Amino acid sequence: MTMARDAGDVVGFDRLRPGDFAAFRAQAHGDLRARLELLATEPDAGDDTWVYRRSGVIRGIGALSLYQPWHWMLWSFPGALNLADWKRIIRFTRLRIENTFRDPAVLRISATARCDVRGAADLLERLGFTVEGLMQCYGPGGDAHWLYAITRAPHVNAMGG
């Protein structure tokens, strides 16, 4: 995908390889580790997956996962990041979203943000997502999530409005 040098560190993105998810989960701490433990398996190999590394250490993982031919889902688990890392991840994720919408069959990309995770909703809004609603008892722990989406066309509800 992309790699660069930043103050002597090699930073960049590449595809999630077998074992990357388990390695990232093992190095995670606190709430991030708890959320990663809830995921039983690694992402599907058919998904558009990526890993962000700094000097060989995984700093974050993400993917656009096929839900339906017209609907993809974005998920991301950032680790310990500095401001430059965040900027790279936002820029890279925007490019992945744009690439996904190149397929004319894709109508929406959705994502959720846990209500109790500061900054999660802000990140999605920076990526161009719009909040669609609140989902109560969505997560395995019964936590609430905001549902976000980017759609190809303006939303039309079932009542024609």
Protein backbone atom coordinates (compact mmCIF):
# COMPACT_ATOMS: atom_id res chain seq x y z
CA MET A 1 0.00 0.00 0.00
CA THR A 2 2.11 2.98 1.19
CA MET A 3 5.21 3.38 3.34
CA ALA A 4 7.28 6.47 4.13
CA ARG A 5 9.97 7.75 6.49
CA ASP A 6 9.08 10.16 9.30
CA ALA A 7 11.84 11.35 11.62
CA GLY A 8 13.73 8.12 10.99
CA ASP A 9 10.71 5.88 11.58
CA VAL A 10 9.24 3.82 8.78
CA VAL A 11 5.50 4.52 8.82
CA GLY A 12 2.70 3.47 6.56
CA PHE A 13 -0.07 1.12 5.59
CA ASP A 14 -0.14 -2.38 4.22
CA ARG A 15 -2.61 -5.24 4.02
CA LEU A 16 -3.53 -7.02 7.21
CA ARG A 17 -1.52 -10.25 7.15
CA PRO A 18 -2.28 -13.48 9.03
CA GLY A 19 -1.33 -12.97 12.65
CA ASP A 20 -1.45 -9.14 12.57
CA PHE A 21 -4.81 -9.00 14.32
CA ALA A 22 -3.69 -11.35 17.08
CA ALA A 23 -0.43 -9.37 17.51
CA PHE A 24 -2.30 -6.07 17.75
CA ARG A 25 -4.77 -7.54 20.25
CA ALA A 26 -1.88 -8.88 22.37
CA GLN A 27 -0.16 -5.46 22.57
CA ALA A 28 -3.37 -3.51 23.27
CA HIS A 29 -4.22 -2.26 26.76
CA GLY A 30 -7.35 -1.33 28.71
CA ASP A 31 -10.56 -0.60 26.82
CA LEU A 32 -9.03 -1.23 23.39
CA ARG A 33 -7.93 -4.70 24.43
CA ALA A 34 -11.38 -5.43 25.89
CA ARG A 35 -13.06 -4.41 22.61
CA LEU A 36 -10.63 -6.49 20.54
CA GLU A 37 -11.23 -9.53 22.78
CA LEU A 38 -14.91 -9.43 21.79
CA LEU A 39 -14.00 -10.18 18.18
CA ALA A 40 -13.78 -13.92 17.82
CA THR A 41 -11.93 -14.08 14.51
CA GLU A 42 -9.67 -12.07 12.28
CA PRO A 43 -11.28 -10.06 9.49
CA ASP A 44 -12.30 -11.88 6.32
CA ALA A 45 -9.53 -12.06 3.74
CA GLY A 46 -11.97 -10.67 1.13
CA ASP A 47 -12.38 -7.43 3.04
CA ASP A 48 -10.36 -4.32 2.22
CA THR A 49 -8.16 -4.59 5.31
CA TRP A 50 -5.19 -2.51 6.39
CA VAL A 51 -2.70 -2.17 9.18
CA TYR A 52 -0.83 1.00 10.15
CA ARG A 53 2.75 0.46 11.33
CA ARG A 54 5.42 2.71 12.81
CA SER A 55 8.91 1.18 12.93
CA GLY A 56 7.44 -2.29 12.52
CA VAL A 57 4.98 -1.93 15.41
CA ILE A 58 1.26 -2.11 14.61
CA ARG A 59 -0.38 1.17 15.67
CA GLY A 60 -3.84 0.56 14.25
CA ILE A 61 -5.94 -1.73 12.09
CA GLY A 62 -9.02 -1.16 9.98
CA ALA A 63 -11.15 -2.46 7.16
CA LEU A 64 -14.02 -1.88 4.84
CA SER A 65 -16.05 -5.08 5.07
CA LEU A 66 -18.61 -6.23 2.54
CA TYR A 67 -22.02 -6.49 4.21
CA GLN A 68 -24.16 -6.56 1.05
CA PRO A 69 -23.11 -5.79 -2.54
CA TRP A 70 -24.47 -2.25 -2.07
CA HIS A 71 -23.44 -1.82 1.56
CA TRP A 72 -19.96 -1.86 3.10
CA MET A 73 -19.07 -1.32 6.76
CA LEU A 74 -16.04 0.59 8.04
CA TRP A 75 -14.35 -0.49 11.23
CA SER A 76 -11.17 0.81 12.77
CA PHE A 77 -9.19 0.16 15.93
CA PRO A 78 -6.55 2.85 16.48
CA GLY A 79 -3.85 2.23 19.04
CA ALA A 80 -1.33 4.68 20.52
CA LEU A 81 -1.13 7.44 17.90
CA ASN A 82 0.37 10.90 17.67
CA LEU A 83 -1.17 13.77 15.68
CA ALA A 84 0.80 12.93 12.51
CA ASP A 85 -0.42 9.32 12.75
CA TRP A 86 -4.04 10.48 13.06
CA LYS A 87 -3.69 12.70 10.00
CA ARG A 88 -2.25 9.82 7.97
CA ILE A 89 -5.03 7.47 9.06
CA ILE A 90 -7.76 10.00 8.20
CA ARG A 91 -6.23 10.72 4.77
CA PHE A 92 -5.73 7.01 4.03
CA THR A 93 -9.25 6.06 5.18
CA ARG A 94 -10.80 8.79 3.01
CA LEU A 95 -8.98 7.32 0.01
CA ARG A 96 -10.26 3.82 0.82
CA ILE A 97 -13.82 5.19 1.08
CA GLU A 98 -13.48 6.99 -2.26
CA ASN A 99 -12.11 3.80 -3.83
CA THR A 100 -15.05 1.76 -2.51
CA PHE A 101 -17.55 4.22 -4.03
CA ARG A 102 -15.92 3.77 -7.46
CA ASP A 103 -18.05 0.64 -7.73
CA PRO A 104 -21.43 1.94 -8.99
CA ALA A 105 -23.25 -0.83 -7.06
CA VAL A 106 -22.12 0.60 -3.70
CA LEU A 107 -24.80 2.84 -2.22
CA ARG A 108 -23.64 3.19 1.37
CA ILE A 109 -20.82 2.71 3.82
CA SER A 110 -21.80 2.54 7.46
CA ALA A 111 -19.94 2.59 10.75
CA THR A 112 -20.81 2.67 14.42
CA ALA A 113 -19.27 4.65 17.24
CA ARG A 114 -19.61 3.60 20.85
CA CYS A 115 -21.24 6.42 22.76
CA ASP A 116 -18.75 6.11 25.64
CA VAL A 117 -15.61 6.31 23.48
CA ARG A 118 -14.55 9.93 23.26
CA GLY A 119 -13.57 11.00 19.82
CA ALA A 120 -15.09 8.05 17.93
CA ALA A 121 -18.01 10.09 16.58
CA ASP A 122 -15.70 13.03 15.84
CA LEU A 123 -13.45 10.78 13.74
CA LEU A 124 -16.39 9.48 11.70
CA GLU A 125 -17.65 13.02 11.12
CA ARG A 126 -14.17 14.09 9.96
CA LEU A 127 -14.32 11.24 7.45
CA GLY A 128 -17.63 12.55 6.07
CA PHE A 129 -20.06 10.25 7.86
CA THR A 130 -23.48 11.52 9.01
CA VAL A 131 -25.22 10.26 12.13
CA GLU A 132 -28.37 8.25 11.39
CA GLY A 133 -29.47 7.20 14.85
CA LEU A 134 -28.77 5.77 18.27
CA MET A 135 -28.72 2.00 18.74
CA GLN A 136 -29.37 0.88 22.31
CA CYS A 137 -27.85 -2.40 23.57
CA TYR A 138 -25.91 -2.80 20.32
CA GLY A 139 -22.60 -4.14 21.57
CA PRO A 140 -21.96 -7.47 23.31
CA GLY A 141 -21.73 -5.63 26.61
CA GLY A 142 -25.06 -3.88 26.07
CA ASP A 143 -23.37 -0.58 25.23
CA ALA A 144 -25.04 2.04 23.03
CA HIS A 145 -23.62 2.98 19.63
CA TRP A 146 -24.26 5.79 17.20
CA LEU A 147 -24.97 4.58 13.66
CA TYR A 148 -23.20 6.62 10.96
CA ALA A 149 -23.24 6.36 7.18
CA ILE A 150 -22.02 7.91 3.95
CA THR A 151 -24.47 7.38 1.11
CA ARG A 152 -24.12 7.80 -2.61
CA ALA A 153 -27.54 9.46 -3.10
CA PRO A 154 -29.67 11.69 -0.86
CA HIS A 155 -31.65 9.68 1.67
CA VAL A 156 -35.30 8.98 0.85
CA ASN A 157 -37.33 7.42 3.64
CA ALA A 158 -40.09 4.85 3.25
CA MET A 159 -42.76 7.56 3.33
CA GLY A 160 -41.24 9.25 0.27
CA GLY A 161 -39.76 12.21 2.18
